[in-house]
Protein backbone atom coordinates (compact mmCIF):
# COMPACT_ATOMS: atom_id res chain seq x y z
CA UNK A 1 -56.20 -32.21 44.52
CA UNK A 2 -59.57 -31.24 42.41
CA UNK A 3 -59.32 -33.60 39.36
CA UNK A 4 -57.12 -36.75 38.70
CA UNK A 5 -56.07 -38.37 35.47
CA UNK A 6 -58.10 -41.64 34.24
CA UNK A 7 -54.70 -43.68 34.51
CA UNK A 8 -53.47 -42.24 37.98
CA UNK A 9 -54.06 -45.06 40.85
CA UNK A 10 -51.78 -43.17 43.39
CA UNK A 11 -53.79 -39.92 44.24
CA UNK A 12 -57.21 -39.71 44.38
CA UNK A 13 -59.79 -36.29 43.93
CA UNK A 14 -60.08 -34.29 47.54
CA UNK A 15 -56.44 -35.53 48.70
CA UNK A 16 -54.27 -32.66 50.06
CA UNK A 17 -50.87 -33.14 48.56
CA UNK A 18 -47.64 -31.35 48.19
CA UNK A 19 -45.09 -30.99 45.49
CA UNK A 20 -41.79 -29.15 45.47
CA UNK A 21 -39.80 -27.96 42.19
CA UNK A 22 -39.54 -31.06 40.11
CA UNK A 23 -39.28 -28.43 37.11
CA UNK A 24 -42.64 -26.13 38.76
CA UNK A 25 -41.18 -22.75 39.07
CA UNK A 26 -37.86 -21.39 40.26
CA UNK A 27 -34.35 -21.15 38.51
CA UNK A 28 -34.39 -24.48 36.64
CA UNK A 29 -38.03 -24.14 35.81
CA UNK A 30 -39.38 -26.54 33.13
CA UNK A 31 -42.66 -24.53 33.15
CA UNK A 32 -44.02 -21.74 35.25
CA UNK A 33 -46.74 -22.08 37.88
CA UNK A 34 -44.64 -21.56 41.00
CA UNK A 35 -47.03 -18.94 42.20
CA UNK A 36 -50.57 -20.15 40.33
CA UNK A 37 -53.88 -20.77 42.52
CA UNK A 38 -54.07 -23.96 40.43
CA UNK A 39 -51.42 -26.17 38.52
CA UNK A 40 -50.87 -29.56 36.25
CA UNK A 41 -48.44 -31.53 38.35
CA UNK A 42 -47.53 -35.48 37.45
CA UNK A 43 -48.60 -38.01 39.98
CA UNK A 44 -45.44 -39.12 40.34
CA UNK A 45 -44.26 -35.40 41.49
CA UNK A 46 -46.59 -35.47 44.31
CA UNK A 47 -47.06 -36.71 47.97
CA UNK A 48 -50.31 -36.96 49.73
CA UNK A 49 -50.15 -34.89 53.23
CA UNK A 50 -51.69 -36.52 56.23
CA UNK A 51 -54.99 -35.55 57.56
CA UNK A 52 -53.33 -34.70 61.17
CA UNK A 53 -50.74 -32.82 59.52
CA UNK A 54 -51.61 -29.02 58.48
CA UNK A 55 -51.37 -27.90 54.80
CA UNK A 56 -49.55 -24.78 56.22
CA UNK A 57 -47.25 -26.49 57.70
CA UNK A 58 -46.17 -28.58 54.60
CA UNK A 59 -46.10 -25.39 52.65
CA UNK A 60 -44.22 -23.40 55.53
CA UNK A 61 -41.45 -26.14 55.56
CA UNK A 62 -41.39 -27.28 51.59
CA UNK A 63 -37.84 -27.52 49.98
CA UNK A 64 -36.34 -26.47 53.33
CA UNK A 65 -37.41 -29.52 55.23
CA UNK A 66 -36.41 -31.54 52.53
CA UNK A 67 -32.60 -29.95 52.67
CA UNK A 68 -32.69 -29.90 56.17
CA UNK A 69 -33.37 -33.57 57.27
CA UNK A 70 -31.72 -34.81 54.17
CA UNK A 71 -28.75 -33.43 55.70
CA UNK A 72 -29.00 -34.84 58.87
CA UNK A 73 -29.69 -38.27 57.13
CA UNK A 74 -26.63 -38.33 55.29
CA UNK A 75 -24.60 -37.25 58.56
CA UNK A 76 -26.35 -39.95 60.74
CA UNK A 77 -26.28 -40.24 64.56
CA UNK A 78 -22.97 -38.27 65.73
CA UNK A 79 -21.96 -39.77 68.74
CA UNK A 80 -20.74 -36.41 70.04
CA UNK A 81 -23.37 -33.84 70.15
CA UNK A 82 -21.76 -31.19 69.45
CA UNK A 83 -23.51 -29.85 65.80
CA UNK A 84 -22.89 -26.45 63.67
CA UNK A 85 -25.56 -24.67 61.75
CA UNK A 86 -24.40 -21.78 59.79
CA UNK A 87 -26.82 -19.42 58.31
CA UNK A 88 -28.98 -20.07 61.55
CA UNK A 89 -31.36 -17.48 61.35
CA UNK A 90 -32.16 -18.43 57.56
CA UNK A 91 -34.67 -21.11 56.25
CA UNK A 92 -32.59 -24.00 55.77
CA UNK A 93 -31.25 -23.10 59.38
CA UNK A 94 -34.05 -21.98 61.52
CA UNK A 95 -35.55 -25.90 60.54
CA UNK A 96 -32.12 -27.71 61.21
CA UNK A 97 -31.85 -25.52 64.55
CA UNK A 98 -35.14 -26.69 65.76
CA UNK A 99 -35.39 -30.19 64.56
CA UNK A 100 -31.45 -30.82 65.94
CA UNK A 101 -32.47 -29.19 69.19
CA UNK A 102 -34.91 -31.65 69.40
CA UNK A 103 -33.09 -34.65 68.63
CA UNK A 104 -30.74 -34.06 71.42
CA UNK A 105 -28.15 -32.50 69.42
CA UNK A 106 -26.16 -29.07 70.95
CA UNK A 107 -26.60 -27.03 68.60
CA UNK A 108 -24.03 -24.00 67.99
CA UNK A 109 -25.74 -21.38 65.73
CA UNK A 110 -24.00 -19.46 63.62
CA UNK A 111 -25.48 -15.64 62.05
CA UNK A 112 -24.40 -12.55 60.64
CA UNK A 113 -27.03 -11.02 62.54
CA UNK A 114 -26.72 -11.49 66.47
CA UNK A 115 -29.96 -9.09 66.72
CA UNK A 116 -31.33 -12.73 65.97
CA UNK A 117 -29.67 -14.56 68.77
CA UNK A 118 -32.75 -14.96 71.04
CA UNK A 119 -34.79 -16.24 67.91
CA UNK A 120 -32.21 -18.34 67.83
CA UNK A 121 -31.99 -19.69 71.26
CA UNK A 122 -36.34 -20.19 71.26
CA UNK A 123 -35.44 -22.12 68.67
CA UNK A 124 -33.24 -24.12 70.68
CA UNK A 125 -29.92 -22.98 69.97
CA UNK A 126 -27.51 -23.67 72.88
CA UNK A 127 -25.30 -21.48 71.52
CA UNK A 128 -24.97 -18.28 69.50
CA UNK A 129 -21.99 -17.47 67.59
CA UNK A 130 -21.09 -14.30 65.06
CA UNK A 131 -20.48 -15.83 61.93
CA UNK A 132 -17.14 -13.31 61.46
CA UNK A 133 -15.50 -15.72 63.52
CA UNK A 134 -15.78 -18.63 60.60
CA UNK A 135 -15.24 -15.52 58.12
CA UNK A 136 -11.42 -15.33 57.81
CA UNK A 137 -9.20 -17.25 55.91
CA UNK A 138 -9.43 -20.73 56.97
CA UNK A 139 -6.59 -22.91 58.08
CA UNK A 140 -5.53 -26.41 56.69
CA UNK A 141 -6.77 -27.41 60.39
CA UNK A 142 -7.99 -25.74 63.75
CA UNK A 143 -8.83 -26.80 66.89
CA UNK A 144 -11.67 -28.58 67.20
CA UNK A 145 -15.26 -27.73 68.11
CA UNK A 146 -17.75 -30.02 66.55
CA UNK A 147 -18.97 -33.19 65.35
CA UNK A 148 -20.70 -32.06 62.45
CA UNK A 149 -22.51 -29.72 60.62
CA UNK A 150 -25.47 -28.20 58.36
CA UNK A 151 -23.80 -25.73 56.14
CA UNK A 152 -26.05 -23.24 54.20
CA UNK A 153 -23.58 -20.44 53.29
CA UNK A 154 -20.33 -21.99 51.77
CA UNK A 155 -17.02 -19.96 50.44
CA UNK A 156 -14.84 -19.17 53.62
CA UNK A 157 -17.34 -20.39 55.83
CA UNK A 158 -17.44 -23.77 54.79
CA UNK A 159 -13.87 -24.32 55.00
CA UNK A 160 -13.66 -23.10 58.45
CA UNK A 161 -16.53 -25.28 59.44
CA UNK A 162 -14.53 -28.53 57.92
CA UNK A 163 -11.11 -26.92 59.58
CA UNK A 164 -13.15 -27.25 63.11
CA UNK A 165 -14.94 -30.73 62.60
CA UNK A 166 -13.54 -33.18 64.81
CA UNK A 167 -12.02 -36.32 63.76
CA UNK A 168 -14.64 -38.48 62.04
CA UNK A 169 -17.17 -35.78 61.44
CA UNK A 170 -19.43 -34.84 58.61
CA UNK A 171 -21.08 -31.49 57.08
CA UNK A 172 -23.80 -31.06 54.92
CA UNK A 173 -23.44 -28.56 52.64
CA UNK A 174 -26.36 -27.04 50.79
CA UNK A 175 -26.22 -23.61 50.07
CA UNK A 176 -23.89 -21.05 48.87
CA UNK A 177 -24.64 -17.79 49.68
CA UNK A 178 -21.06 -16.84 50.53
CA UNK A 179 -19.81 -18.01 47.01
CA UNK A 180 -19.38 -21.35 45.23
CA UNK A 181 -15.41 -21.56 45.65
CA UNK A 182 -13.89 -23.54 48.36
CA UNK A 183 -10.51 -22.24 50.01
CA UNK A 184 -10.12 -25.13 51.79
CA UNK A 185 -7.35 -28.11 51.35
CA UNK A 186 -7.44 -31.85 52.04
CA UNK A 187 -6.42 -31.86 55.60
CA UNK A 188 -9.89 -32.06 56.92
CA UNK A 189 -10.37 -35.39 54.69
CA UNK A 190 -7.48 -37.20 54.94
CA UNK A 191 -5.72 -36.09 58.55
CA UNK A 192 -8.91 -36.22 60.18
CA UNK A 193 -11.24 -38.68 58.24
CA UNK A 194 -14.08 -35.85 57.79
CA UNK A 195 -16.65 -36.11 55.34
CA UNK A 196 -18.21 -33.43 52.95
CA UNK A 197 -21.47 -33.97 51.89
CA UNK A 198 -23.48 -32.36 49.03
CA UNK A 199 -27.03 -32.03 49.33
CA UNK A 200 -29.65 -31.50 46.75
CA UNK A 201 -32.96 -30.97 47.44
CA UNK A 202 -34.06 -28.73 43.76
CA UNK A 203 -34.29 -32.39 41.63
CA UNK A 204 -33.94 -34.80 44.57
CA UNK A 205 -36.56 -37.77 43.86
CA UNK A 206 -39.84 -37.31 45.27
CA UNK A 207 -39.14 -40.79 47.86
CA UNK A 208 -36.12 -39.34 49.75
CA UNK A 209 -38.86 -35.80 50.03
CA UNK A 210 -41.84 -37.93 51.39
CA UNK A 211 -39.39 -39.17 53.61
CA UNK A 212 -38.48 -35.54 55.19
CA UNK A 213 -42.15 -34.49 55.06
CA UNK A 214 -42.96 -37.38 56.95
CA UNK A 215 -41.09 -36.82 59.74
CA UNK A 216 -42.92 -33.39 60.11
CA UNK A 217 -44.74 -34.11 62.69
CA UNK A 218 -42.24 -36.62 65.02
CA UNK A 219 -39.10 -34.25 64.62
CA UNK A 220 -40.57 -30.64 64.77
CA UNK A 221 -42.25 -28.73 67.35
CA UNK A 222 -45.40 -26.61 66.01
CA UNK A 223 -45.17 -24.12 68.19
CA UNK A 224 -41.58 -23.35 66.77
CA UNK A 225 -42.29 -23.93 63.42
CA UNK A 226 -44.91 -21.63 63.86
CA UNK A 227 -42.16 -19.08 65.30
CA UNK A 228 -40.16 -20.14 62.06
CA UNK A 229 -43.29 -19.00 59.09
CA UNK A 230 -44.37 -16.19 58.24
CA UNK A 231 -47.30 -15.73 55.89
CA UNK A 232 -47.29 -13.13 52.76
CA UNK A 233 -50.13 -12.14 50.42
CA UNK A 234 -49.01 -12.62 46.52
CA UNK A 235 -48.36 -9.09 46.14
CA UNK A 236 -45.77 -9.20 48.60
CA UNK A 237 -43.57 -11.43 46.59
CA UNK A 238 -41.35 -9.14 45.01
CA UNK A 239 -40.74 -7.36 47.97
CA UNK A 240 -39.81 -10.57 49.97
CA UNK A 241 -37.46 -11.86 47.31
CA UNK A 242 -35.87 -8.81 47.54
CA UNK A 243 -35.30 -8.94 51.25
CA UNK A 244 -34.31 -12.88 51.16
CA UNK A 245 -31.59 -11.84 48.51
CA UNK A 246 -30.21 -8.84 51.17
CA UNK A 247 -30.24 -11.54 53.73
CA UNK A 248 -32.88 -9.65 55.75
CA UNK A 249 -35.62 -12.50 56.15
CA UNK A 250 -35.72 -15.09 59.09
CA UNK A 251 -36.98 -18.20 58.87
CA UNK A 252 -39.89 -19.27 56.43
CA UNK A 253 -41.98 -17.56 54.35
CA UNK A 254 -45.25 -18.89 52.98
CA UNK A 255 -46.81 -17.24 49.81
CA UNK A 256 -51.16 -17.29 49.96
CA UNK A 257 -52.22 -17.87 46.92
CA UNK A 258 -56.18 -17.27 47.61
């Protein structure tokens, strides 16, 4: 923070802060500035970064950590420790895989890039499955395979994940890479008591964001975060965006502005 308004008491000059979305940059932007070196934001839209946390780590986690941690919070502490993560090599999936494994879950990571199997296992995945297993037409109810999951894919993948969830389980849906449709039925909800939890991190209030960011030091191994993160310069943003849309990027990308 380089300058603070006279009426602001929550933050001070020289505080290290983080803000994410809140109308800044992105698809639903109210104003530009997502890649600016300096930007004006409301005090209520920032969180102070603890001195023992590297700002690069906070930048690397950003929105992905909010999505992953909020999904885990909403799912709750599942008694059965088997949990599925789809789109596991992506930003949210990588964070979720690393955090869940540290918390003692048996993570079943689904990916369309089986070449990333070693990477996912290094993050703590106990099993890696090809997304083709979850891409076909979903049965109303299939064999129970996991107690819950974090899904960033949507569409048929989400329908299959739901049909394979154990009685009383829960799935946190936070992405729609495969589409906005959900070709499923009410069978998992009514016959197995499965919960489908919608996770939004773009318009998520600041308090849940702060809670997610505060769990960084406790629930994510710094070594795994370093493996997840790739740094690029501002000149590489356009190319990186194209790679993300093509599903060719793993983990998180941090853009170094200065």
